[in-house]
Structures are given as structure tokens and as C-alpha cells.
Amino acid sequence: MKIKLNIQYLGAFFVIFIIEVLIAVFAKDGFIRDLLGDVLVVVLIYCFVRSFIRNEMRLLPLYIFIFAVLVEVGQYFNLVESLRLGGYLLARIILGTTFDIWDIVCYFVGCAGIWIFEMRGKVWRF
């Protein structure tokens, strides 16, 4: 596995991160906050990983989906409180506190979009 900084993915990571922060600050509820933010979070993770790993990772969208689902399952079992991290805002933000099956659907949509994007690039590359 080659580790070399990919500026394009790193730039995409920062742009999506800023969008996610803006969603968190300004979108209080509705489609953007409830759905688009969850679709984008898996894209954010993907761009972060691809910023450092150059090798082709065909299963990376699947790994990210599994990771996101495990975080959501942790919310179902109230992992933040079980780990006694409820008093730490950062832990509550990163691990989340509310399980929602629609979040998993959004993670799937985001990861499917990543996979389609990557496969399209492979087919159209000459």
C-alpha cells in the first residue's frame, strides 16, 4: 500500500468538511440536515482515506459503509453513555447519540455514489 498525499482528495475532504460544518450550524432539520449530511459524511471519510492511500481500493466504499453502520448500531446501544463519554461534546458529535434507520439508508446511498463515481472513472479512463 503506497502512502502519498493526494491533494485532490485532500481538497475534496476540506470542501466537504466545510459543507458538513455549515449544515450542522445552519440547517436545523429537514432534508439537508437529516439526509444530505449523512450521505456526505461517508464521502467525507472516503476522501480523507484516499488523501493518503494511492492504491486502488475497490472495497473501500464497502468498508466505509460497514464502519458507518457499526457507528449507527453503537448509537442504538447508547455507546456514548456506556463508555461514560456523555459529558464530552466531541464524543457525542463523532459517535452520535440517536439511532435512525434512515441514516443507514443515507450511508448506503453515499457509498453507492462513491462506488459509481470510481467505476465510471475506471471505464472512461484511457
Protein backbone atom coordinates (compact mmCIF):
# COMPACT_ATOMS: atom_id res chain seq x y z
CA MET A 1 0.00 0.00 0.00
CA LYS A 2 1.52 3.31 -1.12
CA ILE A 3 1.05 6.23 1.20
CA LYS A 4 1.48 9.51 -0.64
CA LEU A 5 -0.58 12.66 -0.21
CA ASN A 6 -3.23 13.14 -2.89
CA ILE A 7 -4.01 16.85 -2.99
CA GLN A 8 -7.25 16.40 -4.99
CA TYR A 9 -8.84 14.08 -2.43
CA LEU A 10 -7.49 16.19 0.43
CA GLY A 11 -9.02 19.29 -1.13
CA ALA A 12 -12.33 17.49 -1.59
CA PHE A 13 -12.14 16.41 2.06
CA PHE A 14 -11.78 20.00 3.24
CA VAL A 15 -14.58 21.26 0.98
CA ILE A 16 -16.96 18.55 2.19
CA PHE A 17 -15.88 19.14 5.79
CA ILE A 18 -16.78 22.83 5.47
CA ILE A 19 -20.13 21.88 3.92
CA GLU A 20 -20.78 19.47 6.81
CA VAL A 21 -19.96 22.19 9.36
CA LEU A 22 -22.28 24.63 7.57
CA ILE A 23 -25.04 22.01 7.58
CA ALA A 24 -24.51 21.39 11.30
CA VAL A 25 -24.58 25.11 12.13
CA PHE A 26 -27.29 26.44 9.82
CA ALA A 27 -29.60 23.56 8.84
CA LYS A 28 -31.66 22.74 11.90
CA ASP A 29 -33.78 19.97 10.38
CA GLY A 30 -35.26 18.73 7.14
CA PHE A 31 -33.79 17.16 4.04
CA ILE A 32 -30.40 18.86 4.18
CA ARG A 33 -29.67 18.18 7.85
CA ASP A 34 -31.34 14.80 8.15
CA LEU A 35 -30.41 13.18 4.85
CA LEU A 36 -27.81 15.06 2.82
CA GLY A 37 -25.47 15.42 5.80
CA ASP A 38 -25.49 11.65 6.31
CA VAL A 39 -24.87 10.96 2.62
CA LEU A 40 -21.94 13.39 2.65
CA VAL A 41 -20.33 12.04 5.82
CA VAL A 42 -19.35 8.76 4.14
CA VAL A 43 -17.98 10.73 1.17
CA LEU A 44 -16.00 12.82 3.66
CA ILE A 45 -14.48 9.69 5.21
CA TYR A 46 -13.72 8.26 1.76
CA CYS A 47 -11.93 11.44 0.64
CA PHE A 48 -9.91 11.51 3.87
CA VAL A 49 -8.72 7.91 3.43
CA ARG A 50 -7.98 8.40 -0.27
CA SER A 51 -5.95 11.51 0.57
CA PHE A 52 -3.29 9.22 2.00
CA ILE A 53 -3.69 5.92 0.12
CA ARG A 54 -2.96 5.95 -3.58
CA ASN A 55 -3.54 2.29 -4.33
CA GLU A 56 -6.85 1.24 -5.78
CA MET A 57 -9.15 0.05 -3.02
CA ARG A 58 -12.21 -1.42 -4.71
CA LEU A 59 -13.81 -2.40 -1.42
CA LEU A 60 -13.19 0.89 0.39
CA PRO A 61 -16.80 2.09 -0.10
CA LEU A 62 -17.98 -1.20 1.43
CA TYR A 63 -15.59 -0.86 4.37
CA ILE A 64 -16.79 2.70 4.97
CA PHE A 65 -20.41 1.57 4.82
CA ILE A 66 -19.74 -1.18 7.38
CA PHE A 67 -17.93 1.32 9.62
CA ALA A 68 -20.83 3.79 9.39
CA VAL A 69 -23.38 1.07 10.16
CA LEU A 70 -21.34 -0.02 13.19
CA VAL A 71 -21.30 3.57 14.46
CA GLU A 72 -25.08 3.69 13.98
CA VAL A 73 -25.51 0.39 15.82
CA GLY A 74 -23.40 1.88 18.60
CA GLN A 75 -25.96 4.67 18.80
CA TYR A 76 -28.74 2.11 19.11
CA PHE A 77 -26.95 0.57 22.11
CA ASN A 78 -26.14 4.01 23.56
CA LEU A 79 -22.39 3.51 23.24
CA VAL A 80 -21.54 7.08 24.25
CA GLU A 81 -23.14 6.61 27.66
CA SER A 82 -21.81 3.07 28.02
CA LEU A 83 -18.27 4.41 27.56
CA ARG A 84 -19.08 7.23 30.00
CA LEU A 85 -18.40 9.85 27.34
CA GLY A 86 -21.79 11.55 27.51
CA GLY A 87 -20.29 14.65 29.08
CA TYR A 88 -17.91 15.20 26.15
CA LEU A 89 -19.46 17.11 23.27
CA LEU A 90 -16.86 15.91 20.77
CA ALA A 91 -17.59 12.26 21.61
CA ARG A 92 -21.32 12.90 21.26
CA ILE A 93 -20.76 14.51 17.85
CA ILE A 94 -18.40 11.85 16.49
CA LEU A 95 -20.17 8.76 17.84
CA GLY A 96 -23.67 10.22 17.74
CA THR A 97 -26.44 9.62 20.20
CA THR A 98 -29.60 8.88 18.20
CA PHE A 99 -30.15 5.74 16.14
CA ASP A 100 -32.10 6.20 12.90
CA ILE A 101 -32.55 3.52 10.24
CA TRP A 102 -32.71 6.28 7.61
CA ASP A 103 -29.12 7.16 8.46
CA ILE A 104 -28.09 3.69 7.30
CA VAL A 105 -30.02 4.22 4.06
CA CYS A 106 -28.17 7.51 3.57
CA TYR A 107 -24.82 5.84 4.23
CA PHE A 108 -25.70 3.24 1.58
CA VAL A 109 -26.63 5.95 -0.93
CA GLY A 110 -23.38 7.80 -0.26
CA CYS A 111 -21.24 4.67 -0.57
CA ALA A 112 -23.09 3.57 -3.72
CA GLY A 113 -22.41 7.02 -5.17
CA ILE A 114 -18.73 6.69 -4.35
CA TRP A 115 -18.60 3.26 -5.98
CA ILE A 116 -20.38 4.53 -9.12
CA PHE A 117 -18.05 7.54 -9.28
CA GLU A 118 -14.97 5.33 -9.02
CA MET A 119 -16.25 2.75 -11.53
CA ARG A 120 -17.17 5.49 -14.00
CA GLY A 121 -13.63 6.79 -13.78
CA LYS A 122 -12.23 3.33 -14.49
CA VAL A 123 -14.47 2.77 -17.51
CA TRP A 124 -13.83 6.18 -19.05
CA ARG A 125 -10.08 6.23 -18.38
CA PHE A 126 -7.99 5.55 -21.48
